[in-house]
Amino acid sequence: MPTRTVTVGVDGSSESLAAADRAAREAELWGRPVRLVHAGSWRPFPSAAGGRREGGETEAARRRAQQVLRETAERLTAARPRLRVTFEQVRDAPAPALLDAASHGFPLVLGSRTVAGAHGHEDLWAVGPVALAVVAQTSGPVVLVRAGTAPPEEDRPAGAVGPSWGVAPYRDVVLGLGPGRPAAGALAFAFGEAARRRARLKVVRAWRRPPGADPGRDRELDRDARQALRDVLEPRRERHPSVRVAVRTGFGGAAALLTDEAAEASLLVVGRGGADGRVGGVVRTVLRHCASAVAVVPG
C-alpha cells in the first residue's frame, strides 16, 4: 500500500507557501511525509497542424514549476531536516489534479489569500473556483489556510510560555455542529486534531427561536441545545478521554457564531454541508470571514 501523505497544492504564491508551511506541521502531527503538487500551467498547446507540441512557453512554464517545487521543498526541509518531502508536476488542470492528489493524501492543504472587504472595512478570504471545486467534490478533508497568518509553530495559547506548552501546545480546535444529523466525518476529524495537538476542543452550535416562541424561553432553548450537543459528543468523548471538550451555544446565525468563536483558534472544523458536489451556505460564509485555518470535511 502506498505511503499516505499530507498533500499540498503549490504554485509559488504567498498563499501556497503558507499552505506548505501548514502542511509541514500537519505532517509532523500525523507522522507522514509531505507531497507537493503543482498542476496545470505547463500543458502542451495545439500546433497549427492540429497536433500538440512542446513550445518554448510550455517548456519555460515547466521549468518554473520545477523551480517552485524545489524551492518549496528546500524551504520545508530547512526548517525541519527530518521531514520527508516529495514533489510532482501534474499535466491535468488544477481541480482534477488536486482531487486525484487528495485521494492519496490526507488531509489536502490549500491556500487562500486575503482581500479587502466592502469599503475596506473587513478582510475576507478569496476562495477561488479551483479550491471551491475541490472542497465540493473531494472525499477527504481539505484545510484552507489564509496567507499572512502566524506559522503553526507560533499557534500556541495566548500568554503560554515555557513548560506550559507541554500541556497545551496549540490554541483550541473549534468544531461547528448543526442541529441535524451529526456530521460523523467532522466529529472524527476534529477529535483527532485536538488529540494530536493536545489542545482543547470547543464545540459550537447556533440555535434560533422557533416561530412564535416566547423570547422568555431563550434560556430554556439554550439549555436544550447544550444538552443535545453533549448527547452527540458523549460517544466520541469516551473514545478520546484525553481531549478536553468545551461546549458553546448561541442564539443567531451559525456562520457568525463560528467566526467569532474561532477567531483565536488553531483550526476550525466544519462539515461540508450542501448536496453532493456543492458547498453549504454556512461553510461558504465561514470561508470568507474566518481568520483561522478551516478544515472542511465531507460526510
Protein backbone atom coordinates (compact mmCIF):
# COMPACT_ATOMS: atom_id res chain seq x y z
CA MET A 1 0.00 0.00 0.00
CA PRO A 2 1.40 3.47 -0.90
CA THR A 3 2.53 5.67 1.97
CA ARG A 4 -0.17 8.13 2.99
CA THR A 5 0.91 11.74 2.77
CA VAL A 6 -0.20 15.22 3.70
CA THR A 7 -0.67 16.78 0.27
CA VAL A 8 -0.48 20.47 -0.59
CA GLY A 9 -1.10 22.37 -3.81
CA VAL A 10 1.70 24.85 -4.59
CA ASP A 11 2.22 27.48 -7.28
CA GLY A 12 4.79 29.82 -5.71
CA SER A 13 2.24 32.32 -4.39
CA SER A 14 2.32 33.57 -0.81
CA GLU A 15 -0.88 31.67 -0.07
CA SER A 16 0.54 28.38 -1.36
CA LEU A 17 3.70 28.91 0.73
CA ALA A 18 1.51 29.45 3.79
CA ALA A 19 -0.31 26.22 2.90
CA ALA A 20 3.02 24.38 2.51
CA ASP A 21 4.21 25.57 5.92
CA ARG A 22 0.94 24.41 7.45
CA ALA A 23 1.17 21.07 5.65
CA ALA A 24 4.66 20.51 7.06
CA ARG A 25 3.42 20.92 10.61
CA GLU A 26 0.37 18.75 9.91
CA ALA A 27 2.71 16.09 8.52
CA GLU A 28 4.68 16.09 11.76
CA LEU A 29 1.47 15.71 13.75
CA TRP A 30 0.23 12.90 11.50
CA GLY A 31 3.65 11.21 11.22
CA ARG A 32 3.53 11.38 7.42
CA PRO A 33 5.60 12.84 4.58
CA VAL A 34 4.55 15.94 2.65
CA ARG A 35 3.68 15.71 -1.02
CA LEU A 36 3.87 18.95 -3.04
CA VAL A 37 1.74 19.08 -6.19
CA HIS A 38 1.98 21.66 -8.97
CA ALA A 39 -0.67 21.31 -11.67
CA GLY A 40 -1.99 22.69 -14.88
CA SER A 41 0.27 25.52 -16.04
CA TRP A 42 2.61 23.70 -18.43
CA ARG A 43 0.40 21.53 -20.60
CA PRO A 44 1.32 21.33 -24.33
CA PHE A 45 -0.64 23.64 -26.58
CA PRO A 46 -2.10 22.85 -30.05
CA SER A 47 0.14 23.35 -33.08
CA ALA A 48 -1.05 24.89 -36.35
CA ALA A 49 -1.32 21.39 -37.82
CA GLY A 50 -3.80 20.40 -35.16
CA GLY A 51 -1.40 18.28 -33.13
CA ARG A 52 0.24 19.11 -29.83
CA ARG A 53 3.77 20.31 -29.40
CA GLU A 54 6.05 21.31 -26.56
CA GLY A 55 6.64 25.02 -27.29
CA GLY A 56 9.07 27.43 -25.69
CA GLU A 57 6.41 28.91 -23.44
CA THR A 58 5.40 25.45 -22.27
CA GLU A 59 8.98 24.46 -21.57
CA ALA A 60 9.58 27.69 -19.66
CA ALA A 61 6.44 27.09 -17.60
CA ARG A 62 7.59 23.56 -16.85
CA ARG A 63 10.95 24.84 -15.63
CA ARG A 64 9.27 27.49 -13.48
CA ALA A 65 7.04 24.83 -11.92
CA GLN A 66 10.06 22.64 -11.17
CA GLN A 67 11.81 25.59 -9.57
CA VAL A 68 8.77 26.37 -7.42
CA LEU A 69 8.59 22.76 -6.27
CA ARG A 70 12.32 22.53 -5.47
CA GLU A 71 12.39 25.85 -3.62
CA THR A 72 9.28 24.97 -1.60
CA ALA A 73 10.74 21.57 -0.68
CA GLU A 74 14.01 23.21 0.39
CA ARG A 75 12.08 25.76 2.46
CA LEU A 76 10.29 22.98 4.35
CA THR A 77 13.31 20.73 4.93
CA ALA A 78 15.49 23.65 6.01
CA ALA A 79 13.06 24.26 8.89
CA ARG A 80 12.52 20.53 9.55
CA PRO A 81 15.51 18.44 8.44
CA ARG A 82 13.79 15.15 9.29
CA LEU A 83 10.69 15.91 7.26
CA ARG A 84 10.23 13.76 4.17
CA VAL A 85 9.12 15.81 1.18
CA THR A 86 8.28 14.64 -2.33
CA PHE A 87 7.02 16.74 -5.21
CA GLU A 88 5.31 16.22 -8.52
CA GLN A 89 4.22 18.14 -11.60
CA VAL A 90 0.86 17.07 -12.96
CA ARG A 91 -0.37 17.72 -16.51
CA ASP A 92 -4.05 17.80 -15.55
CA ALA A 93 -5.96 21.00 -14.89
CA PRO A 94 -5.64 22.12 -11.25
CA ALA A 95 -9.01 20.96 -9.89
CA PRO A 96 -8.88 17.39 -11.28
CA ALA A 97 -5.21 17.10 -10.37
CA LEU A 98 -5.80 18.19 -6.78
CA LEU A 99 -8.82 15.91 -6.45
CA ASP A 100 -6.68 12.99 -7.58
CA ALA A 101 -3.89 14.04 -5.21
CA ALA A 102 -6.40 14.28 -2.35
CA SER A 103 -7.38 10.66 -2.90
CA HIS A 104 -3.80 9.68 -2.00
CA GLY A 105 -3.08 12.32 0.64
CA PHE A 106 -4.98 13.07 3.84
CA PRO A 107 -5.56 15.89 4.50
CA LEU A 108 -5.17 18.13 1.45
CA VAL A 109 -3.94 21.66 2.29
CA LEU A 110 -4.66 24.68 0.07
CA GLY A 111 -4.01 28.39 0.43
CA SER A 112 -6.45 31.30 0.34
CA ARG A 113 -5.49 34.94 0.01
CA THR A 114 -6.79 37.89 1.99
CA VAL A 115 -8.60 40.70 0.16
CA ALA A 116 -10.21 43.90 1.42
CA GLY A 117 -13.90 43.65 2.07
CA ALA A 118 -16.53 46.23 1.18
CA HIS A 119 -15.19 49.77 1.66
CA GLY A 120 -12.02 48.26 3.16
CA HIS A 121 -13.78 47.68 6.49
CA GLU A 122 -13.28 43.94 6.63
CA ASP A 123 -10.78 41.35 5.47
CA LEU A 124 -12.20 38.43 3.52
CA TRP A 125 -10.80 35.16 2.27
CA ALA A 126 -10.66 34.94 -1.51
CA VAL A 127 -11.50 31.28 -2.06
CA GLY A 128 -11.09 30.70 -5.77
CA PRO A 129 -13.12 28.42 -8.04
CA VAL A 130 -10.47 25.70 -8.01
CA ALA A 131 -10.44 25.49 -4.21
CA LEU A 132 -14.23 25.52 -4.06
CA ALA A 133 -14.45 22.78 -6.69
CA VAL A 134 -12.01 20.64 -4.72
CA VAL A 135 -13.82 21.24 -1.42
CA ALA A 136 -17.15 20.37 -3.02
CA GLN A 137 -16.05 17.11 -4.61
CA THR A 138 -13.25 15.62 -2.53
CA SER A 139 -13.85 12.56 -0.39
CA GLY A 140 -11.44 13.71 2.35
CA PRO A 141 -10.74 16.78 4.49
CA VAL A 142 -9.42 19.96 2.89
CA VAL A 143 -7.62 22.50 5.09
CA LEU A 144 -7.74 26.07 3.76
CA VAL A 145 -5.02 28.37 5.06
CA ARG A 146 -5.01 32.15 4.87
CA ALA A 147 -1.77 33.76 3.72
CA GLY A 148 -0.16 36.06 6.26
CA THR A 149 -1.32 34.21 9.36
CA ALA A 150 1.12 33.08 12.05
CA PRO A 151 3.09 29.89 11.33
CA PRO A 152 1.64 26.81 13.06
CA GLU A 153 4.63 26.67 15.46
CA GLU A 154 3.51 30.02 16.86
CA ASP A 155 -0.09 28.90 17.21
CA ARG A 156 0.04 28.49 20.97
CA PRO A 157 -2.32 29.78 23.62
CA ALA A 158 -2.08 33.48 24.36
CA GLY A 159 0.39 34.03 27.19
CA ALA A 160 1.73 30.47 27.07
CA VAL A 161 5.44 30.26 27.86
CA GLY A 162 7.96 27.55 28.59
CA PRO A 163 6.68 24.36 30.21
CA SER A 164 3.03 25.27 29.67
CA TRP A 165 3.49 24.37 26.02
CA GLY A 166 3.79 20.73 27.06
CA VAL A 167 0.25 20.92 28.43
CA ALA A 168 -1.40 22.91 25.65
CA PRO A 169 0.93 23.45 22.67
CA TYR A 170 -1.87 24.75 20.47
CA ARG A 171 -4.83 27.04 20.65
CA ASP A 172 -8.29 25.49 20.60
CA VAL A 173 -9.63 23.34 17.82
CA VAL A 174 -13.18 24.56 17.13
CA LEU A 175 -15.87 22.28 15.70
CA GLY A 176 -19.13 23.57 14.28
CA LEU A 177 -22.10 21.21 14.51
CA GLY A 178 -25.61 21.87 13.24
CA PRO A 179 -28.84 20.60 14.82
CA GLY A 180 -29.49 17.90 12.19
CA ARG A 181 -27.79 14.56 11.61
CA PRO A 182 -24.38 14.52 13.35
CA ALA A 183 -21.51 15.13 10.91
CA ALA A 184 -19.58 11.95 11.65
CA GLY A 185 -16.63 12.89 9.45
CA ALA A 186 -16.20 16.31 11.01
CA LEU A 187 -16.58 14.87 14.52
CA ALA A 188 -13.89 12.25 13.97
CA PHE A 189 -11.50 14.69 12.32
CA ALA A 190 -11.91 17.37 15.00
CA PHE A 191 -11.35 14.97 17.90
CA GLY A 192 -8.29 13.54 16.14
CA GLU A 193 -6.82 17.00 15.50
CA ALA A 194 -7.42 18.08 19.11
CA ALA A 195 -5.76 14.89 20.39
CA ARG A 196 -2.73 15.34 18.13
CA ARG A 197 -2.32 18.94 19.26
CA ARG A 198 -3.11 18.24 22.94
CA ALA A 199 -5.50 21.14 22.53
CA ARG A 200 -8.96 21.82 23.89
CA LEU A 201 -11.85 21.05 21.54
CA LYS A 202 -14.51 23.73 21.56
CA VAL A 203 -17.77 22.52 20.00
CA VAL A 204 -20.16 25.22 18.81
CA ARG A 205 -23.83 25.12 17.87
CA ALA A 206 -26.11 28.03 16.96
CA TRP A 207 -29.83 27.91 17.56
CA ARG A 208 -32.79 30.03 16.52
CA ARG A 209 -36.05 30.80 18.25
CA PRO A 210 -38.96 28.82 16.74
CA PRO A 211 -41.63 30.94 15.01
CA GLY A 212 -43.98 32.41 17.57
CA ALA A 213 -41.87 31.29 20.53
CA ASP A 214 -41.77 33.43 23.65
CA PRO A 215 -38.37 35.20 24.00
CA GLY A 216 -38.69 34.46 27.67
CA ARG A 217 -37.92 30.82 26.85
CA ASP A 218 -34.49 31.62 25.38
CA ARG A 219 -32.63 30.33 28.41
CA GLU A 220 -34.54 27.06 28.23
CA LEU A 221 -33.88 26.75 24.48
CA ASP A 222 -30.18 27.36 25.02
CA ARG A 223 -30.09 24.74 27.77
CA ASP A 224 -31.81 22.23 25.47
CA ALA A 225 -29.29 22.97 22.68
CA ARG A 226 -26.37 22.38 25.05
CA GLN A 227 -27.80 19.08 26.26
CA ALA A 228 -28.44 17.88 22.71
CA LEU A 229 -24.84 18.75 21.84
CA ARG A 230 -23.47 16.88 24.86
CA ASP A 231 -25.50 13.81 23.86
CA VAL A 232 -23.97 13.85 20.38
CA LEU A 233 -20.46 14.28 21.79
CA GLU A 234 -20.59 11.63 24.51
CA PRO A 235 -19.59 8.60 22.35
CA ARG A 236 -16.60 10.50 20.93
CA ARG A 237 -15.51 11.68 24.37
CA GLU A 238 -15.42 8.09 25.53
CA ARG A 239 -13.09 7.22 22.62
CA HIS A 240 -10.85 10.25 23.28
CA PRO A 241 -10.70 10.62 27.08
CA SER A 242 -7.58 12.82 26.89
CA VAL A 243 -9.35 15.54 24.86
CA ARG A 244 -10.77 18.37 26.93
CA VAL A 245 -14.13 19.44 25.49
CA ALA A 246 -15.97 22.72 25.93
CA VAL A 247 -19.48 23.36 24.60
CA ARG A 248 -20.64 26.72 23.27
CA THR A 249 -24.16 27.53 22.11
CA GLY A 250 -25.63 30.81 20.98
CA PHE A 251 -28.70 32.42 19.50
CA GLY A 252 -28.41 33.60 15.89
CA GLY A 253 -26.66 32.70 12.67
CA ALA A 254 -24.26 29.76 12.65
CA ALA A 255 -21.62 31.38 10.42
CA ALA A 256 -21.31 34.48 12.60
CA LEU A 257 -21.09 32.44 15.80
CA LEU A 258 -18.43 30.11 14.35
CA THR A 259 -16.37 33.01 13.04
CA ASP A 260 -16.42 34.69 16.45
CA GLU A 261 -15.60 31.52 18.40
CA ALA A 262 -12.77 30.55 16.03
CA ALA A 263 -11.12 33.98 15.90
CA GLU A 264 -8.19 32.81 18.07
CA ALA A 265 -8.35 29.11 17.21
CA SER A 266 -5.68 26.81 15.84
CA LEU A 267 -8.21 25.25 13.47
CA LEU A 268 -11.92 25.45 12.71
CA VAL A 269 -13.54 22.18 11.55
CA VAL A 270 -16.86 22.19 9.71
CA GLY A 271 -18.87 19.61 7.81
CA ARG A 272 -19.20 20.37 4.11
CA GLY A 273 -22.99 20.60 4.13
CA GLY A 274 -24.98 21.02 0.92
CA ALA A 275 -25.80 18.33 -1.61
CA ASP A 276 -23.14 16.25 -3.39
CA GLY A 277 -20.92 18.49 -5.47
CA ARG A 278 -21.92 21.63 -3.55
CA VAL A 279 -20.70 23.53 -0.52
CA GLY A 280 -23.25 24.63 2.07
CA GLY A 281 -24.06 28.30 2.59
CA VAL A 282 -22.75 28.38 6.16
CA VAL A 283 -19.43 26.92 5.04
CA ARG A 284 -19.11 29.42 2.20
CA THR A 285 -19.69 32.32 4.59
CA VAL A 286 -17.23 30.93 7.14
CA LEU A 287 -14.58 30.53 4.44
CA ARG A 288 -14.91 34.21 3.55
CA HIS A 289 -14.78 35.58 7.07
CA CYS A 290 -12.92 33.26 9.46
CA ALA A 291 -9.36 34.30 10.38
CA SER A 292 -8.17 30.81 11.34
CA ALA A 293 -7.40 27.86 9.12
CA VAL A 294 -10.59 25.99 8.19
CA ALA A 295 -10.89 22.24 7.63
CA VAL A 296 -13.91 21.29 5.51
CA VAL A 297 -14.82 17.63 5.98
CA PRO A 298 -17.31 15.63 3.87
CA GLY A 299 -19.70 13.16 5.43
